[in-house]
């Protein structure tokens, strides 16, 4: 099972740059890049809410569940 971050898809749909979104939500561009690549173990609900507000989307537009992916229960 795996959670797939589809932030890059939403950025492309909205024609926004990660740098601009990071600045709008008060997040370091590096951290947004890590989130975008799926290299984080978690995301705070307030960060998710800020992303949804700036991108005018729902959390499900940014995250996807893949039941066939590897089970990451560290």
PDB file of N, CA and C in Angstrom:
ATOM      1  N   UNK A   1       0.848  -1.184   0.000  1.00  0.00           N
ATOM      2  CA  UNK A   1       0.000   0.000   0.000  1.00  0.00           C
ATOM      3  C   UNK A   1       0.889   1.241   0.000  1.00  0.00           C
ATOM      4  N   UNK A   2       0.507   2.228  -0.736  1.00  0.00           N
ATOM      5  CA  UNK A   2       1.310   3.439  -0.804  1.00  0.00           C
ATOM      6  C   UNK A   2       0.414   4.647  -1.057  1.00  0.00           C
ATOM      7  N   UNK A   3       0.835   5.754  -0.508  1.00  0.00           N
ATOM      8  CA  UNK A   3       0.186   7.029  -0.792  1.00  0.00           C
ATOM      9  C   UNK A   3       1.031   7.730  -1.839  1.00  0.00           C
ATOM     10  N   UNK A   4       0.402   8.132  -2.911  1.00  0.00           N
ATOM     11  CA  UNK A   4       1.097   8.812  -3.999  1.00  0.00           C
ATOM     12  C   UNK A   4       0.723  10.286  -3.962  1.00  0.00           C
ATOM     13  N   UNK A   5       1.727  11.139  -3.963  1.00  0.00           N
ATOM     14  CA  UNK A   5       1.494  12.585  -3.959  1.00  0.00           C
ATOM     15  C   UNK A   5       1.401  13.055  -5.409  1.00  0.00           C
ATOM     16  N   UNK A   6       0.274  13.668  -5.746  1.00  0.00           N
ATOM     17  CA  UNK A   6       0.047  14.138  -7.116  1.00  0.00           C
ATOM     18  C   UNK A   6       0.069  15.663  -7.195  1.00  0.00           C
ATOM     19  N   UNK A   7       0.861  16.261  -6.332  1.00  0.00           N
ATOM     20  CA  UNK A   7       0.979  17.717  -6.287  1.00  0.00           C
ATOM     21  C   UNK A   7       1.490  18.272  -7.605  1.00  0.00           C
ATOM     22  N   UNK A   8       2.424  17.587  -8.235  1.00  0.00           N
ATOM     23  CA  UNK A   8       2.969  18.061  -9.508  1.00  0.00           C
ATOM     24  C   UNK A   8       1.891  18.136 -10.594  1.00  0.00           C
ATOM     25  N   UNK A   9       0.946  17.202 -10.558  1.00  0.00           N
ATOM     26  CA  UNK A   9      -0.163  17.218 -11.522  1.00  0.00           C
ATOM     27  C   UNK A   9      -1.037  18.448 -11.305  1.00  0.00           C
ATOM     28  N   UNK A  10      -1.341  18.740 -10.045  1.00  0.00           N
ATOM     29  CA  UNK A  10      -2.202  19.892  -9.742  1.00  0.00           C
ATOM     30  C   UNK A  10      -1.485  21.204 -10.074  1.00  0.00           C
ATOM     31  N   UNK A  11      -0.180  21.263  -9.832  1.00  0.00           N
ATOM     32  CA  UNK A  11       0.586  22.461 -10.196  1.00  0.00           C
ATOM     33  C   UNK A  11       0.513  22.684 -11.710  1.00  0.00           C
ATOM     34  N   UNK A  12       0.650  21.620 -12.464  1.00  0.00           N
ATOM     35  CA  UNK A  12       0.582  21.735 -13.928  1.00  0.00           C
ATOM     36  C   UNK A  12      -0.817  22.160 -14.380  1.00  0.00           C
ATOM     37  N   UNK A  13      -1.845  21.585 -13.767  1.00  0.00           N
ATOM     38  CA  UNK A  13      -3.220  21.948 -14.128  1.00  0.00           C
ATOM     39  C   UNK A  13      -3.507  23.412 -13.857  1.00  0.00           C
ATOM     40  N   UNK A  14      -2.966  23.914 -12.776  1.00  0.00           N
ATOM     41  CA  UNK A  14      -3.204  25.309 -12.391  1.00  0.00           C
ATOM     42  C   UNK A  14      -2.188  26.262 -13.027  1.00  0.00           C
ATOM     43  N   UNK A  15      -1.214  25.693 -13.730  1.00  0.00           N
ATOM     44  CA  UNK A  15      -0.160  26.476 -14.379  1.00  0.00           C
ATOM     45  C   UNK A  15       0.582  27.359 -13.378  1.00  0.00           C
ATOM     46  N   UNK A  16       0.917  26.736 -12.236  1.00  0.00           N
ATOM     47  CA  UNK A  16       1.643  27.425 -11.174  1.00  0.00           C
ATOM     48  C   UNK A  16       3.010  26.780 -10.987  1.00  0.00           C
ATOM     49  N   UNK A  17       3.944  27.576 -10.525  1.00  0.00           N
ATOM     50  CA  UNK A  17       5.283  27.078 -10.224  1.00  0.00           C
ATOM     51  C   UNK A  17       5.363  26.744  -8.745  1.00  0.00           C
ATOM     52  N   UNK A  18       6.110  25.701  -8.437  1.00  0.00           N
ATOM     53  CA  UNK A  18       6.287  25.277  -7.050  1.00  0.00           C
ATOM     54  C   UNK A  18       6.829  26.422  -6.202  1.00  0.00           C
ATOM     55  N   UNK A  19       7.718  27.206  -6.770  1.00  0.00           N
ATOM     56  CA  UNK A  19       8.317  28.342  -6.056  1.00  0.00           C
ATOM     57  C   UNK A  19       7.235  29.332  -5.612  1.00  0.00           C
ATOM     58  N   UNK A  20       6.275  29.612  -6.488  1.00  0.00           N
ATOM     59  CA  UNK A  20       5.211  30.564  -6.168  1.00  0.00           C
ATOM     60  C   UNK A  20       4.259  30.012  -5.111  1.00  0.00           C
ATOM     61  N   UNK A  21       3.947  28.721  -5.227  1.00  0.00           N
ATOM     62  CA  UNK A  21       3.054  28.091  -4.248  1.00  0.00           C
ATOM     63  C   UNK A  21       3.737  28.031  -2.884  1.00  0.00           C
ATOM     64  N   UNK A  22       5.014  27.668  -2.870  1.00  0.00           N
ATOM     65  CA  UNK A  22       5.757  27.616  -1.606  1.00  0.00           C
ATOM     66  C   UNK A  22       5.743  28.981  -0.919  1.00  0.00           C
ATOM     67  N   UNK A  23       5.965  30.031  -1.681  1.00  0.00           N
ATOM     68  CA  UNK A  23       5.951  31.377  -1.116  1.00  0.00           C
ATOM     69  C   UNK A  23       4.557  31.738  -0.598  1.00  0.00           C
ATOM     70  N   UNK A  24       3.527  31.341  -1.325  1.00  0.00           N
ATOM     71  CA  UNK A  24       2.147  31.680  -0.941  1.00  0.00           C
ATOM     72  C   UNK A  24       1.717  30.994   0.353  1.00  0.00           C
ATOM     73  N   UNK A  25       2.251  29.803   0.621  1.00  0.00           N
ATOM     74  CA  UNK A  25       1.845  29.091   1.838  1.00  0.00           C
ATOM     75  C   UNK A  25       2.882  29.202   2.955  1.00  0.00           C
ATOM     76  N   UNK A  26       3.980  29.909   2.695  1.00  0.00           N
ATOM     77  CA  UNK A  26       4.993  30.102   3.733  1.00  0.00           C
ATOM     78  C   UNK A  26       5.834  28.867   3.991  1.00  0.00           C
ATOM     79  N   UNK A  27       6.124  28.122   2.940  1.00  0.00           N
ATOM     80  CA  UNK A  27       6.903  26.897   3.060  1.00  0.00           C
ATOM     81  C   UNK A  27       8.183  27.049   2.239  1.00  0.00           C
ATOM     82  N   UNK A  28       9.257  26.452   2.715  1.00  0.00           N
ATOM     83  CA  UNK A  28      10.509  26.480   1.957  1.00  0.00           C
ATOM     84  C   UNK A  28      10.313  25.694   0.659  1.00  0.00           C
ATOM     85  N   UNK A  29      10.854  26.205  -0.406  1.00  0.00           N
ATOM     86  CA  UNK A  29      10.721  25.546  -1.713  1.00  0.00           C
ATOM     87  C   UNK A  29      11.294  24.124  -1.664  1.00  0.00           C
ATOM     88  N   UNK A  30      12.355  23.941  -0.910  1.00  0.00           N
ATOM     89  CA  UNK A  30      12.965  22.623  -0.752  1.00  0.00           C
ATOM     90  C   UNK A  30      11.979  21.634  -0.129  1.00  0.00           C
ATOM     91  N   UNK A  31      11.271  22.073   0.899  1.00  0.00           N
ATOM     92  CA  UNK A  31      10.309  21.200   1.564  1.00  0.00           C
ATOM     93  C   UNK A  31       9.135  20.866   0.651  1.00  0.00           C
ATOM     94  N   UNK A  32       8.689  21.834  -0.130  1.00  0.00           N
ATOM     95  CA  UNK A  32       7.609  21.575  -1.077  1.00  0.00           C
ATOM     96  C   UNK A  32       8.081  20.580  -2.138  1.00  0.00           C
ATOM     97  N   UNK A  33       9.329  20.700  -2.552  1.00  0.00           N
ATOM     98  CA  UNK A  33       9.887  19.772  -3.527  1.00  0.00           C
ATOM     99  C   UNK A  33       9.933  18.350  -2.970  1.00  0.00           C
ATOM    100  N   UNK A  34      10.310  18.211  -1.708  1.00  0.00           N
ATOM    101  CA  UNK A  34      10.325  16.898  -1.062  1.00  0.00           C
ATOM    102  C   UNK A  34       8.918  16.310  -0.988  1.00  0.00           C
ATOM    103  N   UNK A  35       7.946  17.152  -0.663  1.00  0.00           N
ATOM    104  CA  UNK A  35       6.560  16.710  -0.619  1.00  0.00           C
ATOM    105  C   UNK A  35       6.093  16.284  -2.005  1.00  0.00           C
ATOM    106  N   UNK A  36       6.408  17.097  -2.990  1.00  0.00           N
ATOM    107  CA  UNK A  36       6.013  16.834  -4.371  1.00  0.00           C
ATOM    108  C   UNK A  36       6.571  15.502  -4.872  1.00  0.00           C
ATOM    109  N   UNK A  37       7.785  15.171  -4.466  1.00  0.00           N
ATOM    110  CA  UNK A  37       8.426  13.939  -4.917  1.00  0.00           C
ATOM    111  C   UNK A  37       8.010  12.730  -4.087  1.00  0.00           C
ATOM    112  N   UNK A  38       7.240  12.953  -3.011  1.00  0.00           N
ATOM    113  CA  UNK A  38       6.782  11.849  -2.180  1.00  0.00           C
ATOM    114  C   UNK A  38       7.820  11.348  -1.195  1.00  0.00           C
ATOM    115  N   UNK A  39       8.856  12.137  -0.950  1.00  0.00           N
ATOM    116  CA  UNK A  39       9.946  11.722  -0.071  1.00  0.00           C
ATOM    117  C   UNK A  39       9.731  12.118   1.391  1.00  0.00           C
ATOM    118  N   UNK A  40       8.508  12.423   1.759  1.00  0.00           N
ATOM    119  CA  UNK A  40       8.205  12.766   3.148  1.00  0.00           C
ATOM    120  C   UNK A  40       7.356  11.656   3.752  1.00  0.00           C
ATOM    121  N   UNK A  41       7.421  11.512   5.060  1.00  0.00           N
ATOM    122  CA  UNK A  41       6.645  10.491   5.759  1.00  0.00           C
ATOM    123  C   UNK A  41       5.267  10.982   6.152  1.00  0.00           C
ATOM    124  N   UNK A  42       5.073  12.290   6.147  1.00  0.00           N
ATOM    125  CA  UNK A  42       3.776  12.832   6.544  1.00  0.00           C
ATOM    126  C   UNK A  42       3.653  14.281   6.144  1.00  0.00           C
ATOM    127  N   UNK A  43       2.432  14.767   6.251  1.00  0.00           N
ATOM    128  CA  UNK A  43       2.159  16.174   5.961  1.00  0.00           C
ATOM    129  C   UNK A  43       1.142  16.660   6.987  1.00  0.00           C
ATOM    130  N   UNK A  44       1.359  17.852   7.498  1.00  0.00           N
ATOM    131  CA  UNK A  44       0.451  18.422   8.501  1.00  0.00           C
ATOM    132  C   UNK A  44      -0.838  18.851   7.822  1.00  0.00           C
ATOM    133  N   UNK A  45      -1.940  18.687   8.529  1.00  0.00           N
ATOM    134  CA  UNK A  45      -3.236  19.070   7.978  1.00  0.00           C
ATOM    135  C   UNK A  45      -3.283  20.554   7.635  1.00  0.00           C
ATOM    136  N   UNK A  46      -2.623  21.396   8.426  1.00  0.00           N
ATOM    137  CA  UNK A  46      -2.654  22.830   8.114  1.00  0.00           C
ATOM    138  C   UNK A  46      -1.888  23.122   6.820  1.00  0.00           C
ATOM    139  N   UNK A  47      -0.815  22.381   6.552  1.00  0.00           N
ATOM    140  CA  UNK A  47      -0.091  22.536   5.295  1.00  0.00           C
ATOM    141  C   UNK A  47      -0.951  22.061   4.134  1.00  0.00           C
ATOM    142  N   UNK A  48      -1.622  20.942   4.318  1.00  0.00           N
ATOM    143  CA  UNK A  48      -2.515  20.422   3.288  1.00  0.00           C
ATOM    144  C   UNK A  48      -3.647  21.404   3.003  1.00  0.00           C
ATOM    145  N   UNK A  49      -4.188  22.010   4.047  1.00  0.00           N
ATOM    146  CA  UNK A  49      -5.262  23.001   3.883  1.00  0.00           C
ATOM    147  C   UNK A  49      -4.767  24.228   3.119  1.00  0.00           C
ATOM    148  N   UNK A  50      -3.559  24.679   3.428  1.00  0.00           N
ATOM    149  CA  UNK A  50      -2.994  25.837   2.718  1.00  0.00           C
ATOM    150  C   UNK A  50      -2.789  25.516   1.241  1.00  0.00           C
ATOM    151  N   UNK A  51      -2.282  24.321   0.965  1.00  0.00           N
ATOM    152  CA  UNK A  51      -2.099  23.913  -0.428  1.00  0.00           C
ATOM    153  C   UNK A  51      -3.436  23.881  -1.165  1.00  0.00           C
ATOM    154  N   UNK A  52      -4.440  23.320  -0.522  1.00  0.00           N
ATOM    155  CA  UNK A  52      -5.771  23.249  -1.140  1.00  0.00           C
ATOM    156  C   UNK A  52      -6.346  24.638  -1.393  1.00  0.00           C
ATOM    157  N   UNK A  53      -6.107  25.547  -0.475  1.00  0.00           N
ATOM    158  CA  UNK A  53      -6.617  26.913  -0.635  1.00  0.00           C
ATOM    159  C   UNK A  53      -5.944  27.594  -1.833  1.00  0.00           C
ATOM    160  N   UNK A  54      -4.625  27.505  -1.912  1.00  0.00           N
ATOM    161  CA  UNK A  54      -3.875  28.161  -2.987  1.00  0.00           C
ATOM    162  C   UNK A  54      -4.161  27.507  -4.339  1.00  0.00           C
ATOM    163  N   UNK A  55      -4.283  26.184  -4.355  1.00  0.00           N
ATOM    164  CA  UNK A  55      -4.493  25.459  -5.605  1.00  0.00           C
ATOM    165  C   UNK A  55      -5.977  25.287  -5.950  1.00  0.00           C
ATOM    166  N   UNK A  56      -6.854  25.742  -5.058  1.00  0.00           N
ATOM    167  CA  UNK A  56      -8.301  25.627  -5.264  1.00  0.00           C
ATOM    168  C   UNK A  56      -8.673  24.180  -5.601  1.00  0.00           C
ATOM    169  N   UNK A  57      -8.338  23.288  -4.646  1.00  0.00           N
ATOM    170  CA  UNK A  57      -8.602  21.872  -4.863  1.00  0.00           C
ATOM    171  C   UNK A  57      -8.974  21.199  -3.542  1.00  0.00           C
ATOM    172  N   UNK A  58      -9.207  19.921  -3.592  1.00  0.00           N
ATOM    173  CA  UNK A  58      -9.504  19.108  -2.426  1.00  0.00           C
ATOM    174  C   UNK A  58      -8.283  18.233  -2.103  1.00  0.00           C
ATOM    175  N   UNK A  59      -8.151  17.764  -0.841  1.00  0.00           N
ATOM    176  CA  UNK A  59      -7.010  16.913  -0.495  1.00  0.00           C
ATOM    177  C   UNK A  59      -6.881  15.694  -1.418  1.00  0.00           C
ATOM    178  N   UNK A  60      -7.986  15.135  -1.841  1.00  0.00           N
ATOM    179  CA  UNK A  60      -7.959  13.987  -2.740  1.00  0.00           C
ATOM    180  C   UNK A  60      -7.385  14.299  -4.111  1.00  0.00           C
ATOM    181  N   UNK A  61      -7.301  15.582  -4.448  1.00  0.00           N
ATOM    182  CA  UNK A  61      -6.667  15.978  -5.704  1.00  0.00           C
ATOM    183  C   UNK A  61      -5.144  15.948  -5.594  1.00  0.00           C
ATOM    184  N   UNK A  62      -4.639  15.916  -4.361  1.00  0.00           N
ATOM    185  CA  UNK A  62      -3.198  15.961  -4.122  1.00  0.00           C
ATOM    186  C   UNK A  62      -2.629  14.623  -3.668  1.00  0.00           C
ATOM    187  N   UNK A  63      -3.491  13.746  -3.178  1.00  0.00           N
ATOM    188  CA  UNK A  63      -3.054  12.457  -2.645  1.00  0.00           C
ATOM    189  C   UNK A  63      -3.860  11.333  -3.275  1.00  0.00           C
ATOM    190  N   UNK A  64      -3.190  10.211  -3.504  1.00  0.00           N
ATOM    191  CA  UNK A  64      -3.829   9.056  -4.125  1.00  0.00           C
ATOM    192  C   UNK A  64      -3.388   7.812  -3.369  1.00  0.00           C
ATOM    193  N   UNK A  65      -4.282   6.851  -3.214  1.00  0.00           N
ATOM    194  CA  UNK A  65      -3.952   5.610  -2.530  1.00  0.00           C
ATOM    195  C   UNK A  65      -3.753   4.495  -3.557  1.00  0.00           C
ATOM    196  N   UNK A  66      -2.621   3.784  -3.449  1.00  0.00           N
ATOM    197  CA  UNK A  66      -2.327   2.672  -4.341  1.00  0.00           C
ATOM    198  C   UNK A  66      -2.201   1.402  -3.500  1.00  0.00           C
ATOM    199  N   UNK A  67      -3.236   0.577  -3.522  1.00  0.00           N
ATOM    200  CA  UNK A  67      -3.244  -0.650  -2.710  1.00  0.00           C
ATOM    201  C   UNK A  67      -2.227  -1.667  -3.188  1.00  0.00           C
ATOM    202  N   UNK A  68      -1.762  -1.558  -4.417  1.00  0.00           N
ATOM    203  CA  UNK A  68      -0.811  -2.527  -4.934  1.00  0.00           C
ATOM    204  C   UNK A  68       0.647  -2.127  -4.666  1.00  0.00           C
ATOM    205  N   UNK A  69       0.848  -0.923  -4.143  1.00  0.00           N
ATOM    206  CA  UNK A  69       2.202  -0.458  -3.867  1.00  0.00           C
ATOM    207  C   UNK A  69       2.787  -1.133  -2.637  1.00  0.00           C
ATOM    208  N   UNK A  70       4.067  -0.875  -2.340  1.00  0.00           N
ATOM    209  CA  UNK A  70       4.709  -1.492  -1.171  1.00  0.00           C
ATOM    210  C   UNK A  70       4.113  -1.023   0.146  1.00  0.00           C
ATOM    211  N   UNK A  71       4.069  -1.892   1.121  1.00  0.00           N
ATOM    212  CA  UNK A  71       3.552  -1.554   2.445  1.00  0.00           C
ATOM    213  C   UNK A  71       4.647  -0.853   3.228  1.00  0.00           C
ATOM    214  N   UNK A  72       4.471   0.434   3.512  1.00  0.00           N
ATOM    215  CA  UNK A  72       5.498   1.223   4.195  1.00  0.00           C
ATOM    216  C   UNK A  72       5.099   1.480   5.643  1.00  0.00           C
ATOM    217  N   UNK A  73       5.201   0.479   6.475  1.00  0.00           N
ATOM    218  CA  UNK A  73       4.838   0.594   7.876  1.00  0.00           C
ATOM    219  C   UNK A  73       6.073   0.613   8.763  1.00  0.00           C
ATOM    220  N   UNK A  74       6.934   1.587   8.574  1.00  0.00           N
ATOM    221  CA  UNK A  74       8.170   1.703   9.373  1.00  0.00           C
ATOM    222  C   UNK A  74       7.825   1.999  10.798  1.00  0.00           C
TER     223      UNK A  74
END
